[in-house]
Amino acid sequence: GIESDGQVVIMVHCGSRGFGHQIGTDYLQSFGAAMKKYGIKTNDRELACAPINSPEGKAYYGAMACAANSAFVNRQVITDDIRKSFARVFGKPADRMGMRLIYDVAHNIAKFEEYTVGKTKRLLVHRKGATRAFGPGNPNLTSTFRETGQPVLVGGSMQAGSYLLVGTKKAEDLTFGSTLHGAGRVMSRSKAKKKARGSDLQKKMEQDGILVRAASFSGLAEEAGFAYKNVDEVVDVVTSVGISRKVARLLPLANIKG
C-alpha cells in the first residue's frame, strides 16, 4: 500500500504503558534466585534468565504475553481514534481515505521459532530492542507478505523521520530473523531534558515545517532529535549487511507526543 511520494503515512509507537517494564523489573528479581537454583551465570544482571520449562520461566512467559496483548490493544484503540479524527475533520469515512492498517508488530517480545543450530531446534527467540524480519517465502508469514518479506517498522526521531523496511532470508540465517526496531538513543531522557528546552524545540520544529503537540514541554525535550542516532546511518548498516531491505523513507510532518 506504500505507493508514491506525497502519500501520508501514520506511525504509532506505543507499548503496554509501563506494564511490560514492571514485569521486567519483577522477573529480574525472581530470576536472580532462579539462576542460583539452576546453576546459571551471566556477566550482566540485565541478562538474568531461567529455563523456559521451569516454573519461573513459564510464569515469565505468561506475564510477558499479557503485556504484549495489552500493547496490541493500546495500539488498536489509538488507531481507531486516529481514523475517527480524520473522518471528522475531512468529512468522509476512514476507509474511503485508504486508512487501513499496513502492519502492527511488537519489538519487545519472545516467540517460539525453529532454527538450525547444528540441527533444527525449536527456540524461544527473545527480541529486546529488535524486531522480527522474516524474508520472502517464510511459511510463518501471511500470504500478504509471503513475496515481499515481513514489514519492518523503524522509528527514527520526531525531527529526522522513520523508515519502512522488509525482512530478508539473510536475516534468518545471520540473526535468527531479527533486525533493528529503531534508531536507538545516544543519551538518556533525563540528559536530553537538560540539553534542550521543550518550548524552543517546538519553535525550531515548526520553522522546519514539522508540527508537534506534546502533553508537556518536558516530555517533548526528551525526544529531541539529537538524543537519537542518525536513523539514515543505522538503516544503511542493516541494509548493507543484508538483514533488511529499504522500502520507503518517511519524513515528519506532524508529531503527537503522549
Protein backbone atom coordinates (compact mmCIF):
# COMPACT_ATOMS: atom_id res chain seq x y z
CA GLY A 1 0.00 0.00 0.00
CA ILE A 2 3.00 2.34 0.02
CA GLU A 3 2.64 3.86 -3.41
CA SER A 4 4.37 7.15 -4.12
CA ASP A 5 5.89 10.41 -2.94
CA GLY A 6 3.34 12.61 -1.23
CA GLN A 7 1.44 9.79 0.42
CA VAL A 8 0.63 10.45 4.10
CA VAL A 9 1.51 7.62 6.48
CA ILE A 10 0.79 7.47 10.21
CA MET A 11 3.07 5.56 12.57
CA VAL A 12 2.01 4.66 16.10
CA HIS A 13 4.64 3.74 18.68
CA CYS A 14 3.09 2.57 21.93
CA GLY A 15 3.65 -0.36 24.24
CA SER A 16 1.87 -1.60 27.33
CA ARG A 17 2.26 1.75 29.11
CA GLY A 18 4.60 0.58 31.89
CA PHE A 19 3.04 -2.87 32.34
CA GLY A 20 5.83 -4.65 30.46
CA HIS A 21 8.50 -2.59 32.25
CA GLN A 22 7.06 -3.61 35.60
CA ILE A 23 7.04 -7.26 34.55
CA GLY A 24 10.69 -6.97 33.53
CA THR A 25 11.58 -5.39 36.87
CA ASP A 26 9.72 -8.06 38.85
CA TYR A 27 11.22 -11.01 36.99
CA LEU A 28 14.75 -9.65 37.11
CA GLN A 29 14.43 -10.08 40.86
CA SER A 30 12.85 -13.53 40.81
CA PHE A 31 15.30 -14.76 38.15
CA GLY A 32 18.21 -13.89 40.44
CA ALA A 33 17.20 -16.69 42.78
CA ALA A 34 16.26 -18.95 39.85
CA MET A 35 19.75 -18.66 38.33
CA LYS A 36 21.32 -19.87 41.56
CA LYS A 37 18.78 -22.69 41.69
CA TYR A 38 19.55 -23.87 38.14
CA GLY A 39 23.28 -23.12 38.12
CA ILE A 40 23.13 -20.33 35.51
CA LYS A 41 25.65 -17.46 35.44
CA THR A 42 25.76 -14.29 33.30
CA ASN A 43 28.05 -11.26 33.26
CA ASP A 44 25.18 -8.80 33.34
CA ARG A 45 22.24 -8.65 35.74
CA GLU A 46 20.05 -7.46 32.85
CA LEU A 47 20.57 -10.89 31.23
CA ALA A 48 19.01 -12.74 34.16
CA CYS A 49 17.09 -15.78 32.95
CA ALA A 50 15.54 -19.13 33.79
CA PRO A 51 14.89 -22.35 31.82
CA ILE A 52 11.71 -21.87 29.80
CA ASN A 53 10.20 -25.13 31.07
CA SER A 54 10.82 -24.21 34.71
CA PRO A 55 8.02 -22.76 36.89
CA GLU A 56 9.83 -19.40 36.86
CA GLY A 57 10.29 -19.44 33.09
CA LYS A 58 6.66 -20.35 32.41
CA ALA A 59 5.45 -17.64 34.79
CA TYR A 60 7.55 -15.02 32.99
CA TYR A 61 6.40 -16.13 29.55
CA GLY A 62 2.75 -15.86 30.61
CA ALA A 63 3.26 -12.41 32.11
CA MET A 64 5.11 -11.23 29.00
CA ALA A 65 2.24 -12.43 26.80
CA CYS A 66 -0.20 -10.40 28.93
CA ALA A 67 1.90 -7.26 28.42
CA ALA A 68 2.14 -7.90 24.66
CA ASN A 69 -1.63 -8.35 24.40
CA SER A 70 -2.14 -5.13 26.36
CA ALA A 71 0.19 -3.27 23.97
CA PHE A 72 -1.63 -4.60 20.88
CA VAL A 73 -4.94 -3.43 22.34
CA ASN A 74 -3.50 0.01 23.11
CA ARG A 75 -2.41 0.43 19.50
CA GLN A 76 -5.79 -0.77 18.20
CA VAL A 77 -7.59 1.81 20.33
CA ILE A 78 -5.21 4.58 19.25
CA THR A 79 -5.63 3.59 15.58
CA ASP A 80 -9.41 3.69 15.92
CA ASP A 81 -9.22 7.18 17.44
CA ILE A 82 -6.94 8.33 14.59
CA ARG A 83 -9.43 7.11 11.99
CA LYS A 84 -12.32 8.83 13.79
CA SER A 85 -10.35 12.09 13.97
CA PHE A 86 -9.56 12.08 10.25
CA ALA A 87 -13.16 11.20 9.39
CA ARG A 88 -14.44 14.09 11.49
CA VAL A 89 -12.00 16.65 10.04
CA PHE A 90 -12.28 15.60 6.39
CA GLY A 91 -15.96 14.67 6.46
CA LYS A 92 -15.58 11.24 4.89
CA PRO A 93 -15.25 7.67 6.19
CA ALA A 94 -11.75 6.47 7.05
CA ASP A 95 -11.94 3.57 4.59
CA ARG A 96 -12.58 5.99 1.71
CA MET A 97 -9.32 7.73 2.62
CA GLY A 98 -7.40 4.45 2.48
CA MET A 99 -6.74 4.38 6.22
CA ARG A 100 -6.08 0.68 6.50
CA LEU A 101 -3.54 -0.92 8.80
CA ILE A 102 -0.32 -1.85 6.99
CA TYR A 103 1.34 -3.69 9.86
CA ASP A 104 1.50 -3.96 13.65
CA VAL A 105 4.42 -5.58 15.43
CA ALA A 106 5.89 -5.83 18.92
CA HIS A 107 9.62 -5.33 19.38
CA ASN A 108 9.98 -6.46 23.00
CA ILE A 109 8.64 -9.99 22.82
CA ALA A 110 9.68 -13.65 22.87
CA LYS A 111 8.39 -16.12 20.27
CA PHE A 112 8.88 -19.84 19.68
CA GLU A 113 10.52 -20.40 16.28
CA GLU A 114 12.53 -23.13 14.56
CA TYR A 115 16.17 -22.62 13.53
CA THR A 116 19.07 -24.83 12.53
CA VAL A 117 21.68 -24.80 15.30
CA GLY A 118 23.68 -27.90 14.44
CA LYS A 119 20.26 -29.47 13.94
CA THR A 120 16.78 -27.98 13.63
CA LYS A 121 15.54 -26.88 17.05
CA ARG A 122 12.53 -25.08 18.45
CA LEU A 123 13.94 -22.00 20.18
CA LEU A 124 12.43 -19.18 22.20
CA VAL A 125 13.79 -16.05 20.50
CA HIS A 126 13.56 -13.01 22.77
CA ARG A 127 13.84 -9.75 20.82
CA LYS A 128 14.60 -6.79 23.07
CA GLY A 129 15.30 -3.60 21.15
CA ALA A 130 14.91 -5.63 17.96
CA THR A 131 12.11 -6.74 15.67
CA ARG A 132 11.38 -9.83 13.61
CA ALA A 133 12.45 -9.69 9.97
CA PHE A 134 11.46 -12.89 8.18
CA GLY A 135 12.34 -12.99 4.50
CA PRO A 136 10.25 -13.77 1.41
CA GLY A 137 8.84 -17.28 1.32
CA ASN A 138 8.89 -17.83 5.08
CA PRO A 139 5.92 -20.11 5.91
CA ASN A 140 5.19 -18.09 9.08
CA LEU A 141 4.25 -15.04 7.00
CA THR A 142 0.72 -14.44 5.84
CA SER A 143 0.03 -14.57 2.11
CA THR A 144 0.06 -10.74 2.05
CA PHE A 145 3.79 -10.64 2.81
CA ARG A 146 4.92 -14.06 1.53
CA GLU A 147 6.50 -12.49 -1.57
CA THR A 148 7.86 -9.25 -0.09
CA GLY A 149 9.16 -10.36 3.30
CA GLN A 150 7.97 -9.17 6.69
CA PRO A 151 7.44 -5.40 7.12
CA VAL A 152 9.95 -3.77 9.48
CA LEU A 153 8.89 -0.50 11.14
CA VAL A 154 11.88 1.65 12.08
CA GLY A 155 11.23 4.68 14.26
CA GLY A 156 13.76 7.47 13.93
CA SER A 157 13.02 10.71 15.78
CA MET A 158 10.44 13.49 15.62
CA GLN A 159 12.87 15.58 13.62
CA ALA A 160 14.59 13.01 11.39
CA GLY A 161 11.74 10.76 10.28
CA SER A 162 11.43 6.99 10.06
CA TYR A 163 11.70 4.06 7.67
CA LEU A 164 9.73 1.12 6.36
CA LEU A 165 11.90 -1.89 5.54
CA VAL A 166 11.26 -5.57 4.83
CA GLY A 167 12.97 -8.66 6.21
CA THR A 168 15.29 -10.95 4.26
CA LYS A 169 16.31 -14.59 4.10
CA LYS A 170 19.78 -13.49 5.18
CA ALA A 171 18.36 -12.23 8.47
CA GLU A 172 17.01 -15.71 9.13
CA ASP A 173 20.50 -17.12 8.52
CA LEU A 174 22.52 -14.49 10.42
CA THR A 175 20.39 -13.06 13.22
CA PHE A 176 17.59 -15.53 13.97
CA GLY A 177 15.31 -13.50 11.70
CA SER A 178 15.91 -10.23 13.55
CA THR A 179 16.80 -6.64 12.71
CA LEU A 180 16.64 -3.18 14.24
CA HIS A 181 13.44 -1.67 15.62
CA GLY A 182 14.55 1.97 15.69
CA ALA A 183 17.43 4.41 15.50
CA GLY A 184 18.24 4.00 19.19
CA ARG A 185 19.12 6.67 21.71
CA VAL A 186 22.55 8.22 22.20
CA MET A 187 21.61 9.82 25.52
CA SER A 188 19.12 9.25 28.29
CA ARG A 189 15.82 11.09 28.51
CA SER A 190 16.99 12.94 31.63
CA LYS A 191 20.16 14.15 29.86
CA ALA A 192 18.17 15.25 26.82
CA LYS A 193 15.90 17.35 29.03
CA LYS A 194 18.96 19.11 30.44
CA LYS A 195 20.26 19.97 26.96
CA ALA A 196 17.01 21.22 25.38
CA ARG A 197 14.01 23.34 26.27
CA GLY A 198 10.77 21.88 25.01
CA SER A 199 9.34 25.27 24.03
CA ASP A 200 12.46 26.11 21.97
CA LEU A 201 12.37 22.70 20.32
CA GLN A 202 8.74 23.16 19.34
CA LYS A 203 9.50 26.52 17.70
CA LYS A 204 12.50 25.08 15.83
CA MET A 205 10.44 22.17 14.51
CA GLU A 206 7.65 24.48 13.35
CA GLN A 207 10.23 26.59 11.49
CA ASP A 208 11.31 23.37 9.76
CA GLY A 209 7.71 22.64 8.77
CA ILE A 210 7.09 19.98 11.44
CA LEU A 211 4.09 20.43 13.72
CA VAL A 212 4.24 18.93 17.19
CA ARG A 213 1.83 18.59 20.08
CA ALA A 214 3.00 17.27 23.44
CA ALA A 215 1.46 16.64 26.82
CA SER A 216 4.32 18.68 28.33
CA PHE A 217 7.40 20.57 27.18
CA SER A 218 9.47 18.33 29.44
CA GLY A 219 8.22 15.26 27.59
CA LEU A 220 8.94 16.95 24.28
CA ALA A 221 12.53 17.77 25.23
CA GLU A 222 13.38 14.15 26.00
CA GLU A 223 12.51 13.21 22.39
CA ALA A 224 14.77 15.80 20.74
CA GLY A 225 16.37 14.63 17.52
CA PHE A 226 19.94 14.94 18.89
CA ALA A 227 19.08 12.35 21.57
CA TYR A 228 18.91 9.66 18.87
CA LYS A 229 21.39 8.10 16.47
CA ASN A 230 21.28 9.14 12.82
CA VAL A 231 18.50 6.89 11.52
CA ASP A 232 19.80 7.05 7.92
CA GLU A 233 23.20 5.71 9.01
CA VAL A 234 21.68 2.99 11.19
CA VAL A 235 19.39 1.80 8.40
CA ASP A 236 22.29 1.85 5.95
CA VAL A 237 24.19 -0.52 8.23
CA VAL A 238 21.46 -3.19 8.41
CA THR A 239 20.74 -2.93 4.69
CA SER A 240 24.44 -3.21 3.78
CA VAL A 241 24.72 -6.31 5.97
CA GLY A 242 21.63 -7.64 4.20
CA ILE A 243 19.31 -8.31 7.13
CA SER A 244 16.74 -5.75 5.92
CA ARG A 245 15.82 -4.06 2.66
CA LYS A 246 14.61 -0.46 2.22
CA VAL A 247 11.06 0.23 1.03
CA ALA A 248 10.36 3.85 1.98
CA ARG A 249 11.75 6.76 3.98
CA LEU A 250 9.08 8.65 5.91
CA LEU A 251 9.62 12.37 6.53
CA PRO A 252 7.98 14.02 9.56
CA LEU A 253 5.05 16.40 9.09
CA ALA A 254 3.35 16.25 12.48
CA ASN A 255 4.03 14.55 15.79
CA ILE A 256 1.96 13.86 18.88
CA LYS A 257 3.97 13.01 22.00
CA GLY A 258 1.84 11.33 24.68
